[in-house]
Amino acid sequence: MLSGIKDIIKLGKGFRIFSPIIVVRLYGGLGNQLFTYAAAKRLSVINSCKLYIDAGSGFIRDHKYKRSYQLSAFEISSPTTNWGALLGFFFTYYRRIIVSIIGKSSTPNKIIIQQRKISFDADLLTLKIRKPVLFEGFWQSEGYFKDIESIIRSDFRFKQSIVSEVLPFTRQIDFTKAVAIHVRHFKDEHHINQGNVNDEYYIRSIVFFQNHIPDAEFWLFSDDPERALLKFKDVKIKCIPISSILKDSNEVKELFIMSQFRNFIISNSTFSWWGAWLSDFSDKKVVAPAEIIDSGEGCWGFEGLLPREWITL
């Protein structure tokens, strides 16, 4: 309780009640947190206003995945606050009441900015912030921050402690012929394969890289490597689970390693989207699913999701 009060006091010192600031409320997994922050950061930059990160309230009721704030692994300078955690249960219902009254909107007279649609919404780019606002949503498009790409790449530099710990393991990878392949498994209690990309996509993508890199080595990133390897059993490839060299694995460490590649086969996942985007190689090749999945956690293929230079199969 005391730490929550301190957070509120610290946040309050940063602005007057009517000054334009953005409090970005993060929730979801690592990839979604990166998207939300990037869109909010761009909005704060063009409006020359302060950005605060609510790193607590969005995770209070995440009983299914028990996720938490993960952006502390990056060189982000925006201050964090857990002020929402102080209100806990009541904060969630307070939000619901506000949203039920004012609805979802990205207009400047609202105190909560939420996504109106999952596809790219250009209205956000011209939004003027004139008072404190709470910013929410996943905003899954490079279009929301492309014009400040250098700032986002600077903010999303991994902290040296992560780099120093993981970099030695990357020496086992020959990046001249390495391809990062990511397989994410989505499921619910009724349909175990709901939201999963068709297995044929991975086969086509593997063949694509075999044609470009005859001695390609595929490094597998997956929440279930054993199940993922079964997708490739009929294809003769060298496929090595990244977990075989990174024993103490977690999402942040794997994302850093993935970002060191220059060739990618991503899944319908924001995690591998960011792994590919964070790669600094100007000649990188990114293959992404052309499949359209219009609902559920694996939702994919909507307008604005993929950078134009990425290849879809």
Protein backbone atom coordinates (compact mmCIF):
# COMPACT_ATOMS: atom_id res chain seq x y z
CA MET A 1 0.00 0.00 0.00
CA LEU A 2 2.74 2.45 0.95
CA SER A 3 4.64 1.97 -2.31
CA GLY A 4 1.43 2.61 -4.23
CA ILE A 5 0.88 5.89 -2.38
CA LYS A 6 4.44 6.95 -3.13
CA ASP A 7 3.86 6.23 -6.81
CA ILE A 8 0.77 8.44 -6.89
CA ILE A 9 2.61 11.27 -5.12
CA LYS A 10 5.56 10.95 -7.53
CA LEU A 11 3.25 10.96 -10.53
CA GLY A 12 1.35 13.95 -9.20
CA LYS A 13 4.51 16.03 -8.87
CA GLY A 14 5.15 15.72 -12.59
CA PHE A 15 2.15 17.64 -13.87
CA ARG A 16 -0.63 20.05 -13.02
CA ILE A 17 -4.14 18.65 -13.15
CA PHE A 18 -4.84 20.02 -16.63
CA SER A 19 -1.38 19.66 -18.16
CA PRO A 20 -1.06 17.37 -21.21
CA ILE A 21 0.49 14.05 -20.21
CA ILE A 22 0.06 10.44 -21.30
CA VAL A 23 -0.15 7.51 -18.94
CA VAL A 24 0.26 4.34 -21.02
CA ARG A 25 -1.38 1.34 -19.42
CA LEU A 26 0.46 -1.83 -20.39
CA TYR A 27 -0.94 -5.34 -20.40
CA GLY A 28 -0.54 -8.56 -22.37
CA GLY A 29 2.69 -10.29 -23.31
CA LEU A 30 6.07 -8.84 -24.21
CA GLY A 31 5.25 -8.19 -27.87
CA ASN A 32 2.03 -6.38 -27.04
CA GLN A 33 3.74 -4.27 -24.39
CA LEU A 34 6.30 -3.17 -26.98
CA PHE A 35 3.58 -2.20 -29.46
CA THR A 36 1.57 -0.25 -26.89
CA TYR A 37 4.59 1.62 -25.59
CA ALA A 38 5.83 2.48 -29.10
CA ALA A 39 2.49 4.01 -30.13
CA ALA A 40 2.24 5.97 -26.87
CA LYS A 41 5.84 7.16 -27.14
CA ARG A 42 5.26 8.55 -30.61
CA LEU A 43 2.11 10.33 -29.40
CA SER A 44 4.07 11.89 -26.54
CA VAL A 45 6.90 12.98 -28.85
CA ILE A 46 4.72 14.75 -31.41
CA ASN A 47 2.73 16.42 -28.63
CA SER A 48 5.82 17.34 -26.58
CA CYS A 49 4.28 15.93 -23.44
CA LYS A 50 5.46 13.68 -20.65
CA LEU A 51 4.94 9.91 -20.88
CA TYR A 52 4.40 7.75 -17.81
CA ILE A 53 4.15 3.95 -17.81
CA ASP A 54 1.46 2.27 -15.73
CA ALA A 55 3.36 -0.96 -15.11
CA GLY A 56 0.94 -2.47 -12.65
CA SER A 57 -2.82 -2.17 -13.13
CA GLY A 58 -2.97 -4.00 -16.47
CA PHE A 59 -1.69 -7.21 -14.90
CA ILE A 60 -3.78 -7.33 -11.74
CA ARG A 61 -6.47 -9.58 -13.22
CA ASP A 62 -4.30 -11.59 -15.62
CA HIS A 63 -5.10 -14.85 -13.89
CA LYS A 64 -4.83 -16.95 -17.07
CA TYR A 65 -1.22 -16.15 -18.06
CA LYS A 66 0.03 -14.36 -14.93
CA ARG A 67 2.00 -11.91 -17.09
CA SER A 68 3.86 -8.91 -15.76
CA TYR A 69 5.65 -5.77 -16.88
CA GLN A 70 8.70 -6.72 -18.99
CA LEU A 71 9.97 -3.49 -20.49
CA SER A 72 12.40 -2.93 -17.63
CA ALA A 73 14.82 -5.00 -19.73
CA PHE A 74 15.11 -2.11 -22.21
CA GLU A 75 16.74 1.33 -22.09
CA ILE A 76 13.45 3.15 -21.66
CA SER A 77 13.66 6.46 -19.83
CA SER A 78 9.94 7.05 -19.23
CA PRO A 79 9.15 6.74 -15.52
CA THR A 80 6.99 3.83 -14.35
CA THR A 81 4.20 3.96 -11.81
CA ASN A 82 2.09 1.29 -10.17
CA TRP A 83 -0.56 3.73 -9.08
CA GLY A 84 -3.29 1.54 -10.57
CA ALA A 85 -2.17 -1.33 -8.36
CA LEU A 86 -3.11 0.71 -5.29
CA LEU A 87 -6.74 0.79 -6.42
CA GLY A 88 -6.56 -2.86 -7.43
CA PHE A 89 -10.00 -4.41 -7.83
CA PHE A 90 -11.74 -1.05 -7.79
CA PHE A 91 -9.57 0.39 -10.58
CA THR A 92 -10.81 -2.24 -13.03
CA TYR A 93 -14.45 -1.42 -12.41
CA TYR A 94 -13.81 2.33 -12.36
CA ARG A 95 -12.38 1.98 -15.88
CA ARG A 96 -15.34 -0.05 -17.03
CA ILE A 97 -17.76 2.60 -15.83
CA ILE A 98 -15.85 5.36 -17.65
CA VAL A 99 -15.60 3.36 -20.86
CA SER A 100 -19.30 2.47 -20.75
CA ILE A 101 -20.11 6.19 -20.54
CA ILE A 102 -17.64 7.70 -23.02
CA GLY A 103 -17.03 4.71 -25.26
CA LYS A 104 -13.90 3.89 -27.18
CA SER A 105 -12.40 6.89 -28.85
CA SER A 106 -9.20 8.49 -30.06
CA THR A 107 -10.49 12.04 -29.94
CA PRO A 108 -8.78 14.73 -27.82
CA ASN A 109 -11.74 15.39 -25.53
CA LYS A 110 -11.59 11.90 -24.01
CA ILE A 111 -9.67 10.89 -20.90
CA ILE A 112 -9.15 7.29 -22.04
CA ILE A 113 -7.74 6.63 -25.51
CA GLN A 114 -8.54 3.13 -26.72
CA GLN A 115 -8.40 1.34 -30.02
CA ARG A 116 -11.54 1.54 -32.12
CA LYS A 117 -10.44 -1.22 -34.50
CA ILE A 118 -7.61 -3.70 -34.78
CA SER A 119 -6.50 -2.52 -38.25
CA PHE A 120 -4.34 0.58 -38.66
CA ASP A 121 -6.09 3.76 -37.52
CA ALA A 122 -4.43 6.83 -39.06
CA ASP A 123 -6.43 9.16 -36.80
CA LEU A 124 -4.03 8.42 -33.97
CA LEU A 125 -1.19 10.08 -35.90
CA THR A 126 -2.81 13.52 -35.73
CA LEU A 127 -4.25 13.29 -32.25
CA LYS A 128 -3.59 16.35 -30.06
CA ILE A 129 -3.11 15.80 -26.34
CA ARG A 130 -4.36 18.77 -24.32
CA LYS A 131 -4.84 17.21 -20.87
CA PRO A 132 -3.94 14.04 -18.96
CA VAL A 133 -5.05 10.90 -20.80
CA LEU A 134 -4.88 7.18 -20.16
CA PHE A 135 -3.64 5.33 -23.26
CA GLU A 136 -4.63 1.70 -23.86
CA GLY A 137 -4.70 -0.89 -26.62
CA PHE A 138 -2.24 -2.97 -28.60
CA TRP A 139 -1.83 -0.73 -31.70
CA GLN A 140 -0.11 -3.45 -33.74
CA SER A 141 1.38 -1.57 -36.66
CA GLU A 142 4.71 0.00 -37.51
CA GLY A 143 2.67 2.87 -38.89
CA TYR A 144 2.04 4.18 -35.39
CA PHE A 145 5.74 4.92 -34.82
CA LYS A 146 7.54 4.68 -38.17
CA ASP A 147 8.32 8.40 -38.26
CA ILE A 148 10.21 8.17 -34.95
CA GLU A 149 11.84 4.82 -35.67
CA SER A 150 15.25 5.94 -34.45
CA ILE A 151 13.78 6.93 -31.07
CA ILE A 152 11.94 3.63 -30.71
CA ARG A 153 15.06 1.66 -31.61
CA SER A 154 17.00 3.63 -29.02
CA ASP A 155 14.37 2.99 -26.34
CA PHE A 156 14.27 -0.70 -27.22
CA ARG A 157 17.99 -1.29 -26.77
CA PHE A 158 18.44 -4.21 -24.43
CA LYS A 159 20.12 -3.37 -21.15
CA GLN A 160 23.77 -4.35 -20.92
CA SER A 161 23.04 -6.89 -18.20
CA ILE A 162 20.88 -8.85 -20.68
CA VAL A 163 23.39 -8.51 -23.50
CA SER A 164 26.34 -9.60 -21.36
CA GLU A 165 24.48 -12.64 -20.10
CA VAL A 166 23.17 -13.87 -23.46
CA LEU A 167 25.75 -12.77 -26.02
CA PRO A 168 28.20 -15.63 -25.31
CA PHE A 169 25.53 -18.16 -26.34
CA THR A 170 25.09 -16.50 -29.73
CA ARG A 171 28.66 -17.46 -30.66
CA GLN A 172 27.32 -20.94 -31.34
CA ILE A 173 25.23 -19.55 -34.19
CA ASP A 174 26.61 -18.97 -37.69
CA PHE A 175 24.47 -15.97 -38.60
CA THR A 176 25.62 -16.05 -42.25
CA LYS A 177 23.40 -19.07 -42.83
CA ALA A 178 21.12 -19.03 -39.81
CA VAL A 179 17.33 -18.61 -40.02
CA ALA A 180 15.25 -17.86 -36.94
CA ILE A 181 11.97 -19.76 -37.09
CA HIS A 182 9.27 -19.06 -34.53
CA VAL A 183 6.32 -21.33 -33.81
CA ARG A 184 3.66 -20.11 -31.41
CA HIS A 185 0.89 -22.43 -30.27
CA PHE A 186 -2.47 -20.88 -29.53
CA LYS A 187 -5.22 -22.94 -27.97
CA ASP A 188 -8.36 -22.75 -25.92
CA GLU A 189 -10.21 -25.34 -23.91
CA HIS A 190 -12.45 -26.32 -26.83
CA HIS A 191 -10.27 -26.00 -29.96
CA ILE A 192 -6.63 -26.88 -29.43
CA ASN A 193 -5.56 -25.58 -32.87
CA GLN A 194 -7.67 -22.44 -32.98
CA GLY A 195 -5.58 -19.47 -34.09
CA ASN A 196 -2.58 -21.53 -35.19
CA VAL A 197 -1.03 -20.88 -38.59
CA ASN A 198 -1.34 -23.74 -41.06
CA ASP A 199 1.65 -26.11 -40.94
CA GLU A 200 2.10 -25.74 -44.71
CA TYR A 201 3.17 -22.14 -44.16
CA TYR A 202 6.28 -23.30 -42.33
CA ILE A 203 7.12 -25.83 -45.03
CA ARG A 204 6.81 -23.19 -47.78
CA SER A 205 8.92 -20.76 -45.78
CA ILE A 206 11.64 -23.34 -45.13
CA VAL A 207 11.81 -24.16 -48.84
CA PHE A 208 12.02 -20.44 -49.62
CA PHE A 209 15.14 -20.05 -47.48
CA GLN A 210 16.64 -23.32 -48.68
CA ASN A 211 16.48 -21.88 -52.20
CA HIS A 212 18.29 -18.73 -51.05
CA ILE A 213 20.67 -20.31 -48.53
CA PRO A 214 21.43 -23.90 -49.61
CA ASP A 215 23.14 -24.82 -46.31
CA ALA A 216 20.67 -22.93 -44.11
CA GLU A 217 20.49 -23.75 -40.42
CA PHE A 218 17.16 -23.21 -38.73
CA TRP A 219 17.06 -22.13 -35.08
CA LEU A 220 13.73 -22.79 -33.43
CA PHE A 221 12.05 -20.40 -30.99
CA SER A 222 8.85 -21.85 -29.56
CA ASP A 223 6.69 -22.19 -26.47
CA ASP A 224 6.62 -25.96 -27.20
CA PRO A 225 9.75 -26.99 -29.18
CA GLU A 226 8.94 -30.72 -29.26
CA ARG A 227 5.52 -30.12 -30.75
CA ALA A 228 6.92 -27.54 -33.16
CA LEU A 229 9.59 -29.92 -34.49
CA LEU A 230 6.86 -32.33 -35.58
CA LYS A 231 5.77 -29.74 -38.14
CA PHE A 232 9.09 -30.17 -39.96
CA LYS A 233 9.48 -33.95 -39.70
CA ASP A 234 8.92 -34.46 -43.42
CA VAL A 235 11.49 -31.83 -44.41
CA LYS A 236 15.21 -32.50 -44.30
CA ILE A 237 16.59 -29.56 -42.38
CA LYS A 238 18.92 -28.85 -39.53
CA CYS A 239 16.63 -27.36 -36.90
CA ILE A 240 18.04 -26.56 -33.47
CA PRO A 241 15.84 -25.43 -30.58
CA ILE A 242 17.30 -22.26 -29.08
CA SER A 243 16.51 -23.75 -25.68
CA SER A 244 19.26 -26.31 -26.29
CA ILE A 245 21.92 -23.61 -25.89
CA LEU A 246 20.04 -21.23 -23.60
CA LYS A 247 19.22 -23.32 -20.56
CA ASP A 248 17.96 -20.48 -18.37
CA SER A 249 15.53 -19.20 -20.96
CA ASN A 250 12.91 -16.46 -20.87
CA GLU A 251 11.12 -14.26 -23.39
CA VAL A 252 13.47 -11.29 -23.07
CA LYS A 253 16.61 -13.35 -23.58
CA GLU A 254 15.13 -15.18 -26.55
CA LEU A 255 13.95 -11.91 -28.09
CA PHE A 256 17.47 -10.52 -27.86
CA ILE A 257 18.95 -13.59 -29.56
CA MET A 258 16.28 -13.52 -32.26
CA SER A 259 17.04 -9.86 -32.96
CA GLN A 260 20.62 -10.83 -33.86
CA PHE A 261 19.47 -12.83 -36.91
CA ARG A 262 19.10 -11.50 -40.45
CA ASN A 263 16.69 -14.19 -41.74
CA PHE A 264 13.30 -14.89 -40.18
CA ILE A 265 10.27 -17.11 -40.44
CA ILE A 266 7.83 -15.56 -38.01
CA SER A 267 4.52 -16.87 -36.75
CA ASN A 268 1.30 -14.98 -36.14
CA SER A 269 2.87 -13.61 -33.00
CA THR A 270 3.86 -10.15 -31.83
CA PHE A 271 6.89 -11.73 -30.16
CA SER A 272 8.50 -12.83 -33.43
CA TRP A 273 7.22 -9.67 -35.17
CA TRP A 274 9.42 -7.68 -32.79
CA GLY A 275 12.29 -10.15 -33.01
CA ALA A 276 12.42 -9.49 -36.75
CA TRP A 277 11.80 -5.73 -36.53
CA LEU A 278 14.53 -5.19 -33.95
CA SER A 279 17.13 -6.77 -36.24
CA ASP A 280 19.43 -4.01 -37.53
CA PHE A 281 20.37 -5.67 -40.83
CA SER A 282 19.27 -3.53 -43.77
CA ASP A 283 19.21 -6.60 -46.04
CA LYS A 284 17.28 -8.85 -43.67
CA LYS A 285 14.66 -11.20 -45.06
CA VAL A 286 11.47 -11.63 -43.06
CA VAL A 287 8.86 -14.19 -44.09
CA ALA A 288 5.45 -13.81 -42.43
CA PRO A 289 2.14 -15.70 -42.72
CA ALA A 290 -0.18 -14.51 -45.46
CA GLU A 291 -3.01 -16.25 -43.65
CA ILE A 292 -5.82 -14.11 -42.27
CA ILE A 293 -7.06 -15.05 -38.82
CA ASP A 294 -9.82 -12.64 -37.88
CA SER A 295 -10.46 -13.52 -34.26
CA GLY A 296 -8.93 -14.90 -31.11
CA GLU A 297 -5.47 -14.53 -29.61
CA GLY A 298 -3.75 -15.43 -32.87
CA CYS A 299 -5.55 -12.70 -34.81
CA TRP A 300 -3.46 -11.90 -37.88
CA GLY A 301 -3.37 -10.41 -41.36
CA PHE A 302 -5.21 -7.15 -40.70
CA GLU A 303 -4.34 -3.89 -42.46
CA GLY A 304 -1.11 -2.24 -41.33
CA LEU A 305 0.26 -5.19 -39.37
CA LEU A 306 3.26 -6.03 -41.55
CA PRO A 307 5.97 -3.71 -42.90
CA ARG A 308 5.75 -3.52 -46.69
CA GLU A 309 9.19 -4.99 -47.30
CA TRP A 310 8.38 -8.24 -45.47
CA ILE A 311 7.52 -11.29 -47.57
CA THR A 312 4.21 -13.10 -47.05
CA LEU A 313 3.72 -16.78 -47.89
